[in-house]
Structure formats: structure tokens, C-alpha cells
Amino acid sequence: MSKYDVEVEGRLKALEGTVGNIEGMINSLVAQVDELKSHSHDAPAAPAAGSDARLDQIVATLKAAEPGKFRNL
């Protein structure tokens, strides 16, 4: 083989290796997405709306844990 052929062959092998790595990463990502799609929680998460109720719950918990430390507004 000529010097040019050797150089082209080396570049081709490098590209094929890169493509193989990319295919592996894509397959891994597809598997992760499938796993996330099939995931479910035992209890539903608290809704984002009604954050005032959640805040009131946190304040009540803190007041119960440290009586006399927090004043009412």
C-alpha cells in the first residue's frame, strides 16, 4: 500500500471507532429514557400549586420542633 492508502485507512478506522462509540452512547441513552418512562412512584408527588399550604406545614413543623422560638405574624 502507498503512504496515502495507509493514511486513508488509518483515518477510516478512527472514524469507524467514533461511530461505534456514538452508537453505544445512543443505545445507552435510549435504555435510560425507556427506564425513566416506565418508572412510577408509590405515592404521587405533591402538586406544585398550593405552595402556601406546604409553607404553612413547614412553619407548623418548625414551631412544634422549637416551641417559643418562632413568633406568629
PDB file of N, CA and C in Angstrom:
ATOM      1  N   MET A   1       0.840  -1.189   0.000  1.00  0.00           N
ATOM      2  CA  MET A   1       0.000   0.000   0.000  1.00  0.00           C
ATOM      3  C   MET A   1       0.879   1.244   0.000  1.00  0.00           C
ATOM      4  N   SER A   2       0.347   2.263  -0.626  1.00  0.00           N
ATOM      5  CA  SER A   2       1.077   3.519  -0.657  1.00  0.00           C
ATOM      6  C   SER A   2       0.897   4.250   0.667  1.00  0.00           C
ATOM      7  N   LYS A   3       1.706   5.263   0.846  1.00  0.00           N
ATOM      8  CA  LYS A   3       1.630   6.082   2.064  1.00  0.00           C
ATOM      9  C   LYS A   3       0.227   6.693   2.189  1.00  0.00           C
ATOM     10  N   TYR A   4      -0.316   7.142   1.074  1.00  0.00           N
ATOM     11  CA  TYR A   4      -1.667   7.726   1.063  1.00  0.00           C
ATOM     12  C   TYR A   4      -2.709   6.705   1.487  1.00  0.00           C
ATOM     13  N   ASP A   5      -2.614   5.484   0.973  1.00  0.00           N
ATOM     14  CA  ASP A   5      -3.565   4.424   1.322  1.00  0.00           C
ATOM     15  C   ASP A   5      -3.512   4.110   2.810  1.00  0.00           C
ATOM     16  N   VAL A   6      -2.317   4.079   3.359  1.00  0.00           N
ATOM     17  CA  VAL A   6      -2.152   3.805   4.794  1.00  0.00           C
ATOM     18  C   VAL A   6      -2.802   4.919   5.614  1.00  0.00           C
ATOM     19  N   GLU A   7      -2.585   6.169   5.188  1.00  0.00           N
ATOM     20  CA  GLU A   7      -3.165   7.308   5.902  1.00  0.00           C
ATOM     21  C   GLU A   7      -4.698   7.278   5.832  1.00  0.00           C
ATOM     22  N   VAL A   8      -5.233   6.997   4.662  1.00  0.00           N
ATOM     23  CA  VAL A   8      -6.688   6.936   4.490  1.00  0.00           C
ATOM     24  C   VAL A   8      -7.261   5.787   5.312  1.00  0.00           C
ATOM     25  N   GLU A   9      -6.606   4.653   5.309  1.00  0.00           N
ATOM     26  CA  GLU A   9      -7.071   3.506   6.089  1.00  0.00           C
ATOM     27  C   GLU A   9      -7.078   3.837   7.586  1.00  0.00           C
ATOM     28  N   GLY A  10      -6.050   4.516   8.061  1.00  0.00           N
ATOM     29  CA  GLY A  10      -5.995   4.916   9.476  1.00  0.00           C
ATOM     30  C   GLY A  10      -7.131   5.863   9.835  1.00  0.00           C
ATOM     31  N   ARG A  11      -7.390   6.827   8.967  1.00  0.00           N
ATOM     32  CA  ARG A  11      -8.484   7.769   9.215  1.00  0.00           C
ATOM     33  C   ARG A  11      -9.840   7.055   9.198  1.00  0.00           C
ATOM     34  N   LEU A  12     -10.004   6.118   8.284  1.00  0.00           N
ATOM     35  CA  LEU A  12     -11.257   5.368   8.192  1.00  0.00           C
ATOM     36  C   LEU A  12     -11.494   4.550   9.456  1.00  0.00           C
ATOM     37  N   LYS A  13     -10.465   3.891   9.950  1.00  0.00           N
ATOM     38  CA  LYS A  13     -10.599   3.103  11.182  1.00  0.00           C
ATOM     39  C   LYS A  13     -10.949   4.002  12.367  1.00  0.00           C
ATOM     40  N   ALA A  14     -10.350   5.201  12.427  1.00  0.00           N
ATOM     41  CA  ALA A  14     -10.650   6.138  13.503  1.00  0.00           C
ATOM     42  C   ALA A  14     -12.110   6.588  13.442  1.00  0.00           C
ATOM     43  N   LEU A  15     -12.592   6.861  12.233  1.00  0.00           N
ATOM     44  CA  LEU A  15     -13.994   7.260  12.065  1.00  0.00           C
ATOM     45  C   LEU A  15     -14.947   6.134  12.431  1.00  0.00           C
ATOM     46  N   GLU A  16     -14.608   4.926  12.037  1.00  0.00           N
ATOM     47  CA  GLU A  16     -15.456   3.778  12.373  1.00  0.00           C
ATOM     48  C   GLU A  16     -15.518   3.579  13.878  1.00  0.00           C
ATOM     49  N   GLY A  17     -14.405   3.795  14.571  1.00  0.00           N
ATOM     50  CA  GLY A  17     -14.382   3.691  16.030  1.00  0.00           C
ATOM     51  C   GLY A  17     -15.242   4.753  16.682  1.00  0.00           C
ATOM     52  N   THR A  18     -15.186   5.966  16.135  1.00  0.00           N
ATOM     53  CA  THR A  18     -16.013   7.059  16.661  1.00  0.00           C
ATOM     54  C   THR A  18     -17.486   6.762  16.470  1.00  0.00           C
ATOM     55  N   VAL A  19     -17.844   6.257  15.299  1.00  0.00           N
ATOM     56  CA  VAL A  19     -19.236   5.911  15.019  1.00  0.00           C
ATOM     57  C   VAL A  19     -19.706   4.824  15.987  1.00  0.00           C
ATOM     58  N   GLY A  20     -18.854   3.849  16.248  1.00  0.00           N
ATOM     59  CA  GLY A  20     -19.202   2.790  17.195  1.00  0.00           C
ATOM     60  C   GLY A  20     -19.441   3.354  18.590  1.00  0.00           C
ATOM     61  N   ASN A  21     -18.605   4.299  19.012  1.00  0.00           N
ATOM     62  CA  ASN A  21     -18.794   4.926  20.323  1.00  0.00           C
ATOM     63  C   ASN A  21     -20.101   5.713  20.374  1.00  0.00           C
ATOM     64  N   ILE A  22     -20.405   6.425  19.314  1.00  0.00           N
ATOM     65  CA  ILE A  22     -21.638   7.210  19.266  1.00  0.00           C
ATOM     66  C   ILE A  22     -22.851   6.288  19.300  1.00  0.00           C
ATOM     67  N   GLU A  23     -22.793   5.189  18.569  1.00  0.00           N
ATOM     68  CA  GLU A  23     -23.905   4.232  18.582  1.00  0.00           C
ATOM     69  C   GLU A  23     -24.095   3.661  19.981  1.00  0.00           C
ATOM     70  N   GLY A  24     -22.999   3.371  20.671  1.00  0.00           N
ATOM     71  CA  GLY A  24     -23.084   2.866  22.042  1.00  0.00           C
ATOM     72  C   GLY A  24     -23.709   3.876  22.983  1.00  0.00           C
ATOM     73  N   MET A  25     -23.322   5.146  22.830  1.00  0.00           N
ATOM     74  CA  MET A  25     -23.898   6.198  23.678  1.00  0.00           C
ATOM     75  C   MET A  25     -25.385   6.360  23.397  1.00  0.00           C
ATOM     76  N   ILE A  26     -25.770   6.312  22.142  1.00  0.00           N
ATOM     77  CA  ILE A  26     -27.188   6.454  21.774  1.00  0.00           C
ATOM     78  C   ILE A  26     -27.992   5.304  22.354  1.00  0.00           C
ATOM     79  N   ASN A  27     -27.478   4.084  22.224  1.00  0.00           N
ATOM     80  CA  ASN A  27     -28.186   2.921  22.780  1.00  0.00           C
ATOM     81  C   ASN A  27     -28.330   3.042  24.294  1.00  0.00           C
ATOM     82  N   SER A  28     -27.295   3.537  24.956  1.00  0.00           N
ATOM     83  CA  SER A  28     -27.351   3.732  26.401  1.00  0.00           C
ATOM     84  C   SER A  28     -28.406   4.773  26.763  1.00  0.00           C
ATOM     85  N   LEU A  29     -28.450   5.871  26.018  1.00  0.00           N
ATOM     86  CA  LEU A  29     -29.442   6.917  26.281  1.00  0.00           C
ATOM     87  C   LEU A  29     -30.860   6.412  26.035  1.00  0.00           C
ATOM     88  N   VAL A  30     -31.049   5.637  25.000  1.00  0.00           N
ATOM     89  CA  VAL A  30     -32.376   5.070  24.708  1.00  0.00           C
ATOM     90  C   VAL A  30     -32.821   4.178  25.863  1.00  0.00           C
ATOM     91  N   ALA A  31     -31.914   3.374  26.380  1.00  0.00           N
ATOM     92  CA  ALA A  31     -32.247   2.494  27.507  1.00  0.00           C
ATOM     93  C   ALA A  31     -32.601   3.315  28.744  1.00  0.00           C
ATOM     94  N   GLN A  32     -31.872   4.397  28.994  1.00  0.00           N
ATOM     95  CA  GLN A  32     -32.165   5.260  30.140  1.00  0.00           C
ATOM     96  C   GLN A  32     -33.525   5.929  29.991  1.00  0.00           C
ATOM     97  N   VAL A  33     -33.847   6.396  28.793  1.00  0.00           N
ATOM     98  CA  VAL A  33     -35.144   7.035  28.556  1.00  0.00           C
ATOM     99  C   VAL A  33     -36.265   6.026  28.749  1.00  0.00           C
ATOM    100  N   ASP A  34     -36.086   4.821  28.255  1.00  0.00           N
ATOM    101  CA  ASP A  34     -37.102   3.774  28.432  1.00  0.00           C
ATOM    102  C   ASP A  34     -37.307   3.471  29.909  1.00  0.00           C
ATOM    103  N   GLU A  35     -36.211   3.424  30.663  1.00  0.00           N
ATOM    104  CA  GLU A  35     -36.315   3.168  32.101  1.00  0.00           C
ATOM    105  C   GLU A  35     -37.067   4.302  32.795  1.00  0.00           C
ATOM    106  N   LEU A  36     -36.776   5.534  32.436  1.00  0.00           N
ATOM    107  CA  LEU A  36     -37.468   6.677  33.035  1.00  0.00           C
ATOM    108  C   LEU A  36     -38.950   6.687  32.677  1.00  0.00           C
ATOM    109  N   LYS A  37     -39.270   6.307  31.453  1.00  0.00           N
ATOM    110  CA  LYS A  37     -40.677   6.265  31.037  1.00  0.00           C
ATOM    111  C   LYS A  37     -41.459   5.226  31.829  1.00  0.00           C
ATOM    112  N   SER A  38     -40.816   4.115  32.158  1.00  0.00           N
ATOM    113  CA  SER A  38     -41.523   3.048  32.869  1.00  0.00           C
ATOM    114  C   SER A  38     -41.522   3.247  34.382  1.00  0.00           C
ATOM    115  N   HIS A  39     -40.806   4.241  34.881  1.00  0.00           N
ATOM    116  CA  HIS A  39     -40.702   4.480  36.320  1.00  0.00           C
ATOM    117  C   HIS A  39     -41.998   5.073  36.861  1.00  0.00           C
ATOM    118  N   SER A  40     -42.387   4.622  38.039  1.00  0.00           N
ATOM    119  CA  SER A  40     -43.550   5.209  38.702  1.00  0.00           C
ATOM    120  C   SER A  40     -43.269   5.292  40.194  1.00  0.00           C
ATOM    121  N   HIS A  41     -43.948   6.192  40.853  1.00  0.00           N
ATOM    122  CA  HIS A  41     -43.788   6.391  42.296  1.00  0.00           C
ATOM    123  C   HIS A  41     -44.933   5.697  43.019  1.00  0.00           C
ATOM    124  N   ASP A  42     -44.646   5.219  44.238  1.00  0.00           N
ATOM    125  CA  ASP A  42     -45.693   4.616  45.052  1.00  0.00           C
ATOM    126  C   ASP A  42     -46.731   5.661  45.458  1.00  0.00           C
ATOM    127  N   ALA A  43     -46.242   6.820  45.867  1.00  0.00           N
ATOM    128  CA  ALA A  43     -47.134   7.918  46.241  1.00  0.00           C
ATOM    129  C   ALA A  43     -46.907   9.067  45.268  1.00  0.00           C
ATOM    130  N   PRO A  44     -47.970   9.714  44.835  1.00  0.00           N
ATOM    131  CA  PRO A  44     -47.777  10.831  43.914  1.00  0.00           C
ATOM    132  C   PRO A  44     -47.071  11.992  44.600  1.00  0.00           C
ATOM    133  N   ALA A  45     -46.313  12.723  43.845  1.00  0.00           N
ATOM    134  CA  ALA A  45     -45.614  13.888  44.374  1.00  0.00           C
ATOM    135  C   ALA A  45     -46.623  14.984  44.683  1.00  0.00           C
ATOM    136  N   ALA A  46     -46.259  15.839  45.640  1.00  0.00           N
ATOM    137  CA  ALA A  46     -47.125  16.957  45.991  1.00  0.00           C
ATOM    138  C   ALA A  46     -47.254  17.895  44.800  1.00  0.00           C
ATOM    139  N   PRO A  47     -48.430  18.397  44.559  1.00  0.00           N
ATOM    140  CA  PRO A  47     -48.604  19.299  43.415  1.00  0.00           C
ATOM    141  C   PRO A  47     -47.853  20.601  43.622  1.00  0.00           C
ATOM    142  N   ALA A  48     -47.408  21.184  42.534  1.00  0.00           N
ATOM    143  CA  ALA A  48     -46.666  22.439  42.611  1.00  0.00           C
ATOM    144  C   ALA A  48     -47.579  23.570  43.074  1.00  0.00           C
ATOM    145  N   ALA A  49     -48.846  23.516  42.700  1.00  0.00           N
ATOM    146  CA  ALA A  49     -49.789  24.550  43.131  1.00  0.00           C
ATOM    147  C   ALA A  49     -50.078  24.372  44.612  1.00  0.00           C
ATOM    148  N   GLY A  50     -50.443  25.451  45.272  1.00  0.00           N
ATOM    149  CA  GLY A  50     -50.757  25.376  46.691  1.00  0.00           C
ATOM    150  C   GLY A  50     -49.510  25.401  47.551  1.00  0.00           C
ATOM    151  N   SER A  51     -48.506  26.136  47.106  1.00  0.00           N
ATOM    152  CA  SER A  51     -47.272  26.186  47.872  1.00  0.00           C
ATOM    153  C   SER A  51     -47.485  26.861  49.230  1.00  0.00           C
ATOM    154  N   ASP A  52     -48.540  27.681  49.355  1.00  0.00           N
ATOM    155  CA  ASP A  52     -48.834  28.312  50.645  1.00  0.00           C
ATOM    156  C   ASP A  52     -49.167  27.247  51.688  1.00  0.00           C
ATOM    157  N   ALA A  53     -49.907  26.227  51.295  1.00  0.00           N
ATOM    158  CA  ALA A  53     -50.244  25.148  52.221  1.00  0.00           C
ATOM    159  C   ALA A  53     -48.989  24.411  52.647  1.00  0.00           C
ATOM    160  N   ARG A  54     -48.100  24.176  51.710  1.00  0.00           N
ATOM    161  CA  ARG A  54     -46.836  23.499  52.026  1.00  0.00           C
ATOM    162  C   ARG A  54     -45.994  24.350  52.964  1.00  0.00           C
ATOM    163  N   LEU A  55     -45.957  25.646  52.724  1.00  0.00           N
ATOM    164  CA  LEU A  55     -45.208  26.560  53.581  1.00  0.00           C
ATOM    165  C   LEU A  55     -45.791  26.568  54.987  1.00  0.00           C
ATOM    166  N   ASP A  56     -47.121  26.601  55.095  1.00  0.00           N
ATOM    167  CA  ASP A  56     -47.772  26.545  56.404  1.00  0.00           C
ATOM    168  C   ASP A  56     -47.414  25.256  57.136  1.00  0.00           C
ATOM    169  N   GLN A  57     -47.339  24.158  56.408  1.00  0.00           N
ATOM    170  CA  GLN A  57     -46.983  22.875  57.008  1.00  0.00           C
ATOM    171  C   GLN A  57     -45.549  22.915  57.541  1.00  0.00           C
ATOM    172  N   ILE A  58     -44.639  23.503  56.791  1.00  0.00           N
ATOM    173  CA  ILE A  58     -43.243  23.596  57.219  1.00  0.00           C
ATOM    174  C   ILE A  58     -43.126  24.478  58.454  1.00  0.00           C
ATOM    175  N   VAL A  59     -43.818  25.613  58.450  1.00  0.00           N
ATOM    176  CA  VAL A  59     -43.786  26.518  59.596  1.00  0.00           C
ATOM    177  C   VAL A  59     -44.341  25.823  60.835  1.00  0.00           C
ATOM    178  N   ALA A  60     -45.440  25.090  60.682  1.00  0.00           N
ATOM    179  CA  ALA A  60     -46.026  24.377  61.818  1.00  0.00           C
ATOM    180  C   ALA A  60     -45.056  23.330  62.358  1.00  0.00           C
ATOM    181  N   THR A  61     -44.360  22.648  61.490  1.00  0.00           N
ATOM    182  CA  THR A  61     -43.379  21.646  61.908  1.00  0.00           C
ATOM    183  C   THR A  61     -42.231  22.293  62.674  1.00  0.00           C
ATOM    184  N   LEU A  62     -41.745  23.422  62.166  1.00  0.00           N
ATOM    185  CA  LEU A  62     -40.666  24.128  62.856  1.00  0.00           C
ATOM    186  C   LEU A  62     -41.113  24.640  64.222  1.00  0.00           C
ATOM    187  N   LYS A  63     -42.315  25.178  64.294  1.00  0.00           N
ATOM    188  CA  LYS A  63     -42.830  25.685  65.570  1.00  0.00           C
ATOM    189  C   LYS A  63     -42.996  24.543  66.571  1.00  0.00           C
ATOM    190  N   ALA A  64     -43.422  23.391  66.105  1.00  0.00           N
ATOM    191  CA  ALA A  64     -43.583  22.241  67.001  1.00  0.00           C
ATOM    192  C   ALA A  64     -42.226  21.735  67.481  1.00  0.00           C
ATOM    193  N   ALA A  65     -41.240  21.792  66.617  1.00  0.00           N
ATOM    194  CA  ALA A  65     -39.911  21.305  66.972  1.00  0.00           C
ATOM    195  C   ALA A  65     -39.183  22.261  67.909  1.00  0.00           C
ATOM    196  N   GLU A  66     -39.422  23.541  67.777  1.00  0.00           N
ATOM    197  CA  GLU A  66     -38.754  24.561  68.590  1.00  0.00           C
ATOM    198  C   GLU A  66     -39.801  25.510  69.195  1.00  0.00           C
ATOM    199  N   PRO A  67     -40.540  25.058  70.215  1.00  0.00           N
ATOM    200  CA  PRO A  67     -41.580  25.917  70.788  1.00  0.00           C
ATOM    201  C   PRO A  67     -40.995  27.194  71.388  1.00  0.00           C
ATOM    202  N   GLY A  68     -41.666  28.311  71.135  1.00  0.00           N
ATOM    203  CA  GLY A  68     -41.252  29.584  71.672  1.00  0.00           C
ATOM    204  C   GLY A  68     -40.177  30.279  70.858  1.00  0.00           C
ATOM    205  N   LYS A  69     -39.603  29.625  69.902  1.00  0.00           N
ATOM    206  CA  LYS A  69     -38.529  30.226  69.114  1.00  0.00           C
ATOM    207  C   LYS A  69     -39.061  31.088  67.971  1.00  0.00           C
ATOM    208  N   PHE A  70     -40.217  30.731  67.437  1.00  0.00           N
ATOM    209  CA  PHE A  70     -40.789  31.455  66.308  1.00  0.00           C
ATOM    210  C   PHE A  70     -42.047  32.185  66.760  1.00  0.00           C
ATOM    211  N   ARG A  71     -42.175  33.440  66.364  1.00  0.00           N
ATOM    212  CA  ARG A  71     -43.355  34.201  66.743  1.00  0.00           C
ATOM    213  C   ARG A  71     -44.384  34.198  65.611  1.00  0.00           C
ATOM    214  N   ASN A  72     -45.624  34.408  65.974  1.00  0.00           N
ATOM    215  CA  ASN A  72     -46.689  34.490  64.978  1.00  0.00           C
ATOM    216  C   ASN A  72     -46.729  35.881  64.394  1.00  0.00           C
ATOM    217  N   LEU A  73     -46.988  35.954  63.124  1.00  0.00           N
ATOM    218  CA  LEU A  73     -47.088  37.264  62.453  1.00  0.00           C
ATOM    219  C   LEU A  73     -48.508  37.689  62.326  1.00  0.00           C
TER     220      LEU A  73
END
